[in-house]
Amino acid sequence: MTNPCLDCPTQQSCCRELHGLTVSQTEYDRHFKAHEDTITVFRKGALLEIWAKDGGGCPNWNGQCAVYETRPMDCDLYPFTIGNVFESPDEVYVTYHKRTGCPLVTEIVQAQSEAQALLEQFFAVNFPDRKISVVYDEGAVRLKHLAKRVVHKLKGRQPKTQVS
């Protein structure tokens, strides 16, 4: 599989500025555990969110992706991006979108149905005991998820806790 991002004419921040990458514990252990000194990790329910400590790039990026063949789902999903993940005891509600400045988006974009299936599979594996709702974030759906976000915050839930 060829990485089309190697032909990026503008050096976008996708891998060069790691911020908010959502991964499972398995993906973290496989690709990021050895790089704990260069990343900050937040637990978001059953998932982890990864940020570069210095605002820099992914520790697996050295001019190309060192883990491209087995990259995390969130990387494989690109140029679609996970928006919000709301967990309740019975359901996990996930939004995703395709708002990106990627100049190669027309060459690397997968069908929305493929992105939807990838997300549904990922969340079903990581939340096997819950109903999974994956929704594309546009128009009225965007307003609905923003309302869920407000309710979530008003209930005093803290969605991120740093992993030490």
C-alpha atoms as a PDB file:
ATOM      1  CA  MET A   1       0.000   0.000   0.000  1.00  0.00           C
ATOM      2  CA  THR A   2       1.473   3.347  -1.045  1.00  0.00           C
ATOM      3  CA  ASN A   3       1.170   6.331   1.272  1.00  0.00           C
ATOM      4  CA  PRO A   4      -0.216   9.211  -0.854  1.00  0.00           C
ATOM      5  CA  CYS A   5       0.715  11.698   1.866  1.00  0.00           C
ATOM      6  CA  LEU A   6       4.368  11.426   0.865  1.00  0.00           C
ATOM      7  CA  ASP A   7       3.439  13.554  -2.177  1.00  0.00           C
ATOM      8  CA  CYS A   8       1.929  16.357  -0.073  1.00  0.00           C
ATOM      9  CA  PRO A   9       2.826  19.669  -1.730  1.00  0.00           C
ATOM     10  CA  THR A  10       2.105  21.801   1.348  1.00  0.00           C
ATOM     11  CA  GLN A  11       3.427  19.744   4.243  1.00  0.00           C
ATOM     12  CA  GLN A  12       0.095  19.723   6.085  1.00  0.00           C
ATOM     13  CA  SER A  13       0.020  19.189   9.828  1.00  0.00           C
ATOM     14  CA  CYS A  14      -1.688  15.770   9.752  1.00  0.00           C
ATOM     15  CA  CYS A  15       1.278  13.710  10.968  1.00  0.00           C
ATOM     16  CA  ARG A  16       3.674  16.596  11.442  1.00  0.00           C
ATOM     17  CA  GLU A  17       1.653  18.069  14.334  1.00  0.00           C
ATOM     18  CA  LEU A  18       0.185  15.337  16.491  1.00  0.00           C
ATOM     19  CA  HIS A  19      -2.902  16.617  18.270  1.00  0.00           C
ATOM     20  CA  GLY A  20      -5.965  14.733  19.407  1.00  0.00           C
ATOM     21  CA  LEU A  21      -5.355  11.343  17.811  1.00  0.00           C
ATOM     22  CA  THR A  22      -7.902   8.863  19.194  1.00  0.00           C
ATOM     23  CA  VAL A  23      -6.596   5.325  19.699  1.00  0.00           C
ATOM     24  CA  SER A  24      -7.589   2.119  21.437  1.00  0.00           C
ATOM     25  CA  GLN A  25      -5.447   0.675  24.206  1.00  0.00           C
ATOM     26  CA  THR A  26      -4.165  -1.959  21.762  1.00  0.00           C
ATOM     27  CA  GLU A  27      -3.152   0.689  19.206  1.00  0.00           C
ATOM     28  CA  TYR A  28      -1.492   2.726  21.926  1.00  0.00           C
ATOM     29  CA  ASP A  29       0.503  -0.251  23.193  1.00  0.00           C
ATOM     30  CA  ARG A  30       1.576  -1.164  19.651  1.00  0.00           C
ATOM     31  CA  HIS A  31       2.470   2.285  18.298  1.00  0.00           C
ATOM     32  CA  PHE A  32       2.916   4.831  21.096  1.00  0.00           C
ATOM     33  CA  LYS A  33       3.913   3.234  24.398  1.00  0.00           C
ATOM     34  CA  ALA A  34       7.601   3.348  23.476  1.00  0.00           C
ATOM     35  CA  HIS A  35       7.261   7.100  22.856  1.00  0.00           C
ATOM     36  CA  GLU A  36       5.766   8.129  26.214  1.00  0.00           C
ATOM     37  CA  ASP A  37       8.504  10.719  26.761  1.00  0.00           C
ATOM     38  CA  THR A  38       7.399  12.734  23.693  1.00  0.00           C
ATOM     39  CA  ILE A  39       3.598  12.522  24.017  1.00  0.00           C
ATOM     40  CA  THR A  40       0.821  13.470  26.411  1.00  0.00           C
ATOM     41  CA  VAL A  41      -1.948  10.923  26.761  1.00  0.00           C
ATOM     42  CA  PHE A  42      -5.487  11.594  27.939  1.00  0.00           C
ATOM     43  CA  ARG A  43      -7.922   8.839  28.796  1.00  0.00           C
ATOM     44  CA  LYS A  44     -11.327   9.443  27.253  1.00  0.00           C
ATOM     45  CA  GLY A  45     -13.446   6.612  28.589  1.00  0.00           C
ATOM     46  CA  ALA A  46     -12.197   3.369  27.053  1.00  0.00           C
ATOM     47  CA  LEU A  47     -10.094   5.236  24.490  1.00  0.00           C
ATOM     48  CA  LEU A  48      -6.951   7.344  24.608  1.00  0.00           C
ATOM     49  CA  GLU A  49      -6.222  10.707  23.010  1.00  0.00           C
ATOM     50  CA  ILE A  50      -2.617  11.493  22.084  1.00  0.00           C
ATOM     51  CA  TRP A  51      -0.914  14.875  21.761  1.00  0.00           C
ATOM     52  CA  ALA A  52       2.750  15.686  21.110  1.00  0.00           C
ATOM     53  CA  LYS A  53       4.300  17.324  24.180  1.00  0.00           C
ATOM     54  CA  ASP A  54       6.214  19.905  22.172  1.00  0.00           C
ATOM     55  CA  GLY A  55       3.530  20.574  19.542  1.00  0.00           C
ATOM     56  CA  GLY A  56       5.571  18.419  17.198  1.00  0.00           C
ATOM     57  CA  GLY A  57       4.767  15.513  15.011  1.00  0.00           C
ATOM     58  CA  CYS A  58       3.751  11.956  15.513  1.00  0.00           C
ATOM     59  CA  PRO A  59       6.650   9.947  16.943  1.00  0.00           C
ATOM     60  CA  ASN A  60       6.060   7.423  14.160  1.00  0.00           C
ATOM     61  CA  TRP A  61       6.700  10.080  11.481  1.00  0.00           C
ATOM     62  CA  ASN A  62      10.244  10.335  10.173  1.00  0.00           C
ATOM     63  CA  GLY A  63       9.584  11.802   6.749  1.00  0.00           C
ATOM     64  CA  GLN A  64       7.123   8.982   6.222  1.00  0.00           C
ATOM     65  CA  CYS A  65       4.897   6.902   8.459  1.00  0.00           C
ATOM     66  CA  ALA A  66       6.881   4.112  10.101  1.00  0.00           C
ATOM     67  CA  VAL A  67       3.650   2.233  10.955  1.00  0.00           C
ATOM     68  CA  TYR A  68       1.628   2.937   7.808  1.00  0.00           C
ATOM     69  CA  GLU A  69       0.680  -0.697   7.138  1.00  0.00           C
ATOM     70  CA  THR A  70      -0.682  -1.144  10.687  1.00  0.00           C
ATOM     71  CA  ARG A  71      -1.525   2.488  11.501  1.00  0.00           C
ATOM     72  CA  PRO A  72      -4.237   3.297  14.053  1.00  0.00           C
ATOM     73  CA  MET A  73      -7.827   3.470  12.859  1.00  0.00           C
ATOM     74  CA  ASP A  74      -7.990   7.254  13.340  1.00  0.00           C
ATOM     75  CA  CYS A  75      -5.066   7.634  10.899  1.00  0.00           C
ATOM     76  CA  ASP A  76      -6.669   5.216   8.445  1.00  0.00           C
ATOM     77  CA  LEU A  77      -9.914   7.186   8.683  1.00  0.00           C
ATOM     78  CA  TYR A  78      -8.288  10.399   7.418  1.00  0.00           C
ATOM     79  CA  PRO A  79      -9.374  12.736   5.805  1.00  0.00           C
ATOM     80  CA  PHE A  80     -12.471  11.931   7.855  1.00  0.00           C
ATOM     81  CA  THR A  81     -11.995  12.840  11.495  1.00  0.00           C
ATOM     82  CA  ILE A  82     -13.675  11.724  14.692  1.00  0.00           C
ATOM     83  CA  GLY A  83     -15.671  14.639  16.053  1.00  0.00           C
ATOM     84  CA  ASN A  84     -17.118  13.718  19.444  1.00  0.00           C
ATOM     85  CA  VAL A  85     -17.570  10.519  21.372  1.00  0.00           C
ATOM     86  CA  PHE A  86     -20.293  10.399  24.005  1.00  0.00           C
ATOM     87  CA  GLU A  87     -20.368   7.345  26.238  1.00  0.00           C
ATOM     88  CA  SER A  88     -23.309   6.253  28.341  1.00  0.00           C
ATOM     89  CA  PRO A  89     -23.788   2.901  30.056  1.00  0.00           C
ATOM     90  CA  ASP A  90     -25.886   1.651  27.122  1.00  0.00           C
ATOM     91  CA  GLU A  91     -24.607   3.524  24.084  1.00  0.00           C
ATOM     92  CA  VAL A  92     -21.599   5.130  22.457  1.00  0.00           C
ATOM     93  CA  TYR A  93     -22.563   8.009  20.174  1.00  0.00           C
ATOM     94  CA  VAL A  94     -19.849   9.053  17.700  1.00  0.00           C
ATOM     95  CA  THR A  95     -19.757  11.902  15.225  1.00  0.00           C
ATOM     96  CA  TYR A  96     -17.300  12.287  12.376  1.00  0.00           C
ATOM     97  CA  HIS A  97     -16.669  14.853   9.650  1.00  0.00           C
ATOM     98  CA  LYS A  98     -14.510  15.687   6.667  1.00  0.00           C
ATOM     99  CA  ARG A  99     -13.488  19.298   7.324  1.00  0.00           C
ATOM    100  CA  THR A 100      -9.841  19.354   6.349  1.00  0.00           C
ATOM    101  CA  GLY A 101      -7.356  21.567   4.567  1.00  0.00           C
ATOM    102  CA  CYS A 102      -5.684  18.570   2.989  1.00  0.00           C
ATOM    103  CA  PRO A 103      -4.674  19.413  -0.589  1.00  0.00           C
ATOM    104  CA  LEU A 104      -4.787  15.716  -1.546  1.00  0.00           C
ATOM    105  CA  VAL A 105      -8.273  15.082  -0.195  1.00  0.00           C
ATOM    106  CA  THR A 106      -9.675  14.245  -3.630  1.00  0.00           C
ATOM    107  CA  GLU A 107      -6.955  11.618  -4.127  1.00  0.00           C
ATOM    108  CA  ILE A 108      -7.046   9.987  -0.687  1.00  0.00           C
ATOM    109  CA  VAL A 109     -10.683  10.295   0.250  1.00  0.00           C
ATOM    110  CA  GLN A 110     -12.517   7.073   0.838  1.00  0.00           C
ATOM    111  CA  ALA A 111     -16.243   6.778   0.408  1.00  0.00           C
ATOM    112  CA  GLN A 112     -18.247   8.032   3.354  1.00  0.00           C
ATOM    113  CA  SER A 113     -19.775   4.547   3.629  1.00  0.00           C
ATOM    114  CA  GLU A 114     -16.258   3.094   4.085  1.00  0.00           C
ATOM    115  CA  ALA A 115     -15.457   5.650   6.779  1.00  0.00           C
ATOM    116  CA  GLN A 116     -18.755   4.861   8.505  1.00  0.00           C
ATOM    117  CA  ALA A 117     -18.035   1.110   8.413  1.00  0.00           C
ATOM    118  CA  LEU A 118     -14.487   1.622   9.732  1.00  0.00           C
ATOM    119  CA  LEU A 119     -15.798   3.632  12.685  1.00  0.00           C
ATOM    120  CA  GLU A 120     -18.619   1.199  13.416  1.00  0.00           C
ATOM    121  CA  GLN A 121     -16.183  -1.721  13.478  1.00  0.00           C
ATOM    122  CA  PHE A 122     -13.632   0.119  15.653  1.00  0.00           C
ATOM    123  CA  PHE A 123     -16.205   1.187  18.225  1.00  0.00           C
ATOM    124  CA  ALA A 124     -17.941  -2.226  18.245  1.00  0.00           C
ATOM    125  CA  VAL A 125     -14.607  -3.881  19.078  1.00  0.00           C
ATOM    126  CA  ASN A 126     -13.784  -1.349  21.801  1.00  0.00           C
ATOM    127  CA  PHE A 127     -17.302  -1.187  23.278  1.00  0.00           C
ATOM    128  CA  PRO A 128     -18.687  -4.702  22.699  1.00  0.00           C
ATOM    129  CA  ASP A 129     -21.417  -4.374  25.332  1.00  0.00           C
ATOM    130  CA  ARG A 130     -22.973  -1.141  24.028  1.00  0.00           C
ATOM    131  CA  LYS A 131     -25.090   0.088  21.158  1.00  0.00           C
ATOM    132  CA  ILE A 132     -22.905   2.029  18.705  1.00  0.00           C
ATOM    133  CA  SER A 133     -24.322   5.073  16.908  1.00  0.00           C
ATOM    134  CA  VAL A 134     -22.019   6.637  14.306  1.00  0.00           C
ATOM    135  CA  VAL A 135     -23.309   9.781  12.626  1.00  0.00           C
ATOM    136  CA  TYR A 136     -21.804  12.037   9.946  1.00  0.00           C
ATOM    137  CA  ASP A 137     -21.516  15.529  11.406  1.00  0.00           C
ATOM    138  CA  GLU A 138     -23.273  17.987   9.107  1.00  0.00           C
ATOM    139  CA  GLY A 139     -26.323  20.238   9.156  1.00  0.00           C
ATOM    140  CA  ALA A 140     -28.988  19.252  11.693  1.00  0.00           C
ATOM    141  CA  VAL A 141     -26.826  16.377  12.940  1.00  0.00           C
ATOM    142  CA  ARG A 142     -24.134  18.893  13.869  1.00  0.00           C
ATOM    143  CA  LEU A 143     -26.647  20.886  15.913  1.00  0.00           C
ATOM    144  CA  LYS A 144     -27.823  17.702  17.642  1.00  0.00           C
ATOM    145  CA  HIS A 145     -24.289  16.696  18.627  1.00  0.00           C
ATOM    146  CA  LEU A 146     -23.506  20.245  19.829  1.00  0.00           C
ATOM    147  CA  ALA A 147     -26.596  20.020  22.057  1.00  0.00           C
ATOM    148  CA  LYS A 148     -25.363  16.640  23.393  1.00  0.00           C
ATOM    149  CA  ARG A 149     -21.999  18.259  24.093  1.00  0.00           C
ATOM    150  CA  VAL A 150     -23.615  21.064  26.105  1.00  0.00           C
ATOM    151  CA  VAL A 151     -25.687  18.571  28.111  1.00  0.00           C
ATOM    152  CA  HIS A 152     -22.559  16.478  28.684  1.00  0.00           C
ATOM    153  CA  LYS A 153     -20.690  19.514  30.071  1.00  0.00           C
ATOM    154  CA  LEU A 154     -23.632  20.702  32.166  1.00  0.00           C
ATOM    155  CA  LYS A 155     -23.775  17.316  33.868  1.00  0.00           C
ATOM    156  CA  GLY A 156     -20.234  17.965  35.065  1.00  0.00           C
ATOM    157  CA  ARG A 157     -18.597  15.083  33.254  1.00  0.00           C
ATOM    158  CA  GLN A 158     -14.933  15.443  32.598  1.00  0.00           C
ATOM    159  CA  PRO A 159     -14.254  13.741  29.268  1.00  0.00           C
ATOM    160  CA  LYS A 160     -10.452  13.816  29.518  1.00  0.00           C
ATOM    161  CA  THR A 161      -8.135  12.642  32.246  1.00  0.00           C
ATOM    162  CA  GLN A 162      -4.396  12.606  31.723  1.00  0.00           C
ATOM    163  CA  VAL A 163      -2.734   9.221  31.957  1.00  0.00           C
ATOM    164  CA  SER A 164       0.416   9.254  34.024  1.00  0.00           C
END
